N, C-alpha and C. Protein backbone atom coordinates (compact mmCIF):
# COMPACT_ATOMS: atom_id res chain seq x y z
N MET A 1 -49.98 -29.55 10.25
CA MET A 1 -50.95 -28.51 10.75
C MET A 1 -50.53 -27.11 10.17
N GLU A 2 -51.48 -26.30 9.91
CA GLU A 2 -51.21 -25.02 9.36
C GLU A 2 -51.53 -23.93 10.37
N ALA A 3 -50.85 -22.84 10.27
CA ALA A 3 -51.13 -21.64 11.04
C ALA A 3 -51.00 -20.39 10.17
N TYR A 4 -51.55 -19.32 10.60
CA TYR A 4 -51.44 -18.14 9.79
C TYR A 4 -50.23 -17.34 10.12
N CYS A 5 -49.40 -17.02 9.18
CA CYS A 5 -48.18 -16.22 9.40
C CYS A 5 -48.53 -14.77 9.16
N MET A 6 -48.27 -13.96 10.18
CA MET A 6 -48.57 -12.57 10.12
C MET A 6 -47.63 -11.75 9.15
N LYS A 7 -46.39 -12.25 8.95
CA LYS A 7 -45.45 -11.55 8.11
C LYS A 7 -45.74 -11.91 6.68
N CYS A 8 -46.00 -13.18 6.35
CA CYS A 8 -46.26 -13.59 4.95
C CYS A 8 -47.72 -13.30 4.57
N ARG A 9 -48.53 -13.06 5.54
CA ARG A 9 -50.01 -12.94 5.34
C ARG A 9 -50.67 -14.13 4.57
N ALA A 10 -50.31 -15.27 5.00
CA ALA A 10 -50.82 -16.56 4.36
C ALA A 10 -50.67 -17.66 5.35
N LYS A 11 -51.49 -18.72 5.10
CA LYS A 11 -51.47 -19.90 5.94
C LYS A 11 -50.23 -20.74 5.54
N ARG A 12 -49.44 -21.17 6.50
CA ARG A 12 -48.21 -21.90 6.23
C ARG A 12 -48.26 -23.18 7.11
N GLU A 13 -47.55 -24.16 6.66
CA GLU A 13 -47.38 -25.39 7.38
C GLU A 13 -46.35 -25.00 8.59
N ILE A 14 -46.72 -25.59 9.79
CA ILE A 14 -45.86 -25.27 10.90
C ILE A 14 -44.61 -26.15 10.93
N LYS A 15 -43.43 -25.40 10.99
CA LYS A 15 -42.17 -26.13 11.07
C LYS A 15 -41.74 -26.23 12.58
N ASN A 16 -41.23 -27.36 12.93
CA ASN A 16 -40.85 -27.65 14.33
C ASN A 16 -42.02 -27.35 15.30
N PRO A 17 -43.18 -28.05 15.10
CA PRO A 17 -44.33 -27.77 15.92
C PRO A 17 -44.15 -28.37 17.34
N ARG A 18 -44.62 -27.63 18.39
CA ARG A 18 -44.60 -28.22 19.70
C ARG A 18 -45.85 -27.84 20.43
N SER A 19 -46.41 -28.76 21.23
CA SER A 19 -47.70 -28.47 21.89
C SER A 19 -47.29 -27.73 23.21
N ILE A 20 -48.11 -26.74 23.45
CA ILE A 20 -48.02 -25.94 24.72
C ILE A 20 -49.41 -25.74 25.29
N THR A 21 -49.50 -25.31 26.54
CA THR A 21 -50.73 -25.06 27.23
C THR A 21 -50.69 -23.57 27.55
N LEU A 22 -51.83 -22.88 27.28
CA LEU A 22 -51.97 -21.50 27.63
C LEU A 22 -52.24 -21.36 29.15
N LYS A 23 -52.12 -20.09 29.65
CA LYS A 23 -52.39 -19.84 31.02
C LYS A 23 -53.70 -20.23 31.52
N ASN A 24 -54.76 -20.22 30.65
CA ASN A 24 -56.08 -20.53 30.99
C ASN A 24 -56.40 -22.03 30.79
N GLY A 25 -55.36 -22.80 30.46
CA GLY A 25 -55.48 -24.29 30.31
C GLY A 25 -55.80 -24.87 28.97
N ARG A 26 -55.99 -23.89 27.98
CA ARG A 26 -56.30 -24.36 26.58
C ARG A 26 -55.06 -24.85 25.86
N PRO A 27 -55.15 -25.90 25.08
CA PRO A 27 -54.06 -26.39 24.32
C PRO A 27 -53.73 -25.49 23.11
N ALA A 28 -52.42 -25.40 22.66
CA ALA A 28 -52.06 -24.64 21.50
C ALA A 28 -50.85 -25.23 20.94
N THR A 29 -50.52 -24.89 19.69
CA THR A 29 -49.39 -25.33 18.92
C THR A 29 -48.48 -24.11 18.53
N GLN A 30 -47.24 -24.15 18.76
CA GLN A 30 -46.39 -23.12 18.44
C GLN A 30 -45.26 -23.67 17.55
N GLY A 31 -44.79 -22.90 16.58
CA GLY A 31 -43.67 -23.34 15.71
C GLY A 31 -43.07 -22.14 14.93
N VAL A 32 -42.52 -22.46 13.79
CA VAL A 32 -41.85 -21.48 12.95
C VAL A 32 -42.40 -21.58 11.52
N CYS A 33 -42.49 -20.40 10.88
CA CYS A 33 -42.92 -20.36 9.44
C CYS A 33 -41.70 -20.85 8.59
N PRO A 34 -41.92 -21.82 7.74
CA PRO A 34 -40.78 -22.33 6.96
C PRO A 34 -40.28 -21.30 5.91
N THR A 35 -41.07 -20.35 5.51
CA THR A 35 -40.69 -19.31 4.50
C THR A 35 -39.82 -18.23 5.08
N CYS A 36 -40.34 -17.61 6.17
CA CYS A 36 -39.66 -16.36 6.65
C CYS A 36 -39.04 -16.54 8.02
N GLY A 37 -39.32 -17.59 8.71
CA GLY A 37 -38.72 -17.87 10.04
C GLY A 37 -39.43 -17.21 11.17
N THR A 38 -40.58 -16.55 10.95
CA THR A 38 -41.31 -15.94 12.11
C THR A 38 -42.03 -16.97 12.89
N LYS A 39 -42.23 -16.71 14.16
CA LYS A 39 -42.97 -17.54 15.10
C LYS A 39 -44.44 -17.57 14.67
N VAL A 40 -45.02 -18.77 14.57
CA VAL A 40 -46.45 -18.93 14.26
C VAL A 40 -47.09 -19.63 15.43
N PHE A 41 -48.39 -19.47 15.59
CA PHE A 41 -49.06 -19.95 16.71
C PHE A 41 -50.52 -20.31 16.33
N ARG A 42 -51.03 -21.38 16.86
CA ARG A 42 -52.39 -21.81 16.61
C ARG A 42 -52.96 -22.36 17.87
N ILE A 43 -54.12 -21.83 18.24
CA ILE A 43 -54.91 -22.26 19.47
C ILE A 43 -55.78 -23.53 19.09
N GLY A 44 -55.75 -24.50 19.95
CA GLY A 44 -56.57 -25.73 19.69
C GLY A 44 -55.73 -26.92 19.44
N LYS A 45 -56.37 -28.06 19.72
CA LYS A 45 -55.68 -29.27 19.41
C LYS A 45 -55.37 -29.55 18.04
N GLY A 46 -54.32 -30.27 17.70
CA GLY A 46 -54.05 -30.52 16.33
C GLY A 46 -53.31 -31.76 16.11
């Protein structure tokens, strides 16, 4: 699954992805950018 990295300004494959649930109940995926190590985040099932 890919997410947009704000630091690299590009779509990157999510490293160490984990499923989380937002406060409003929507599913999301959170992980780390493999290039720069910044936290990346994507809303929606994946």
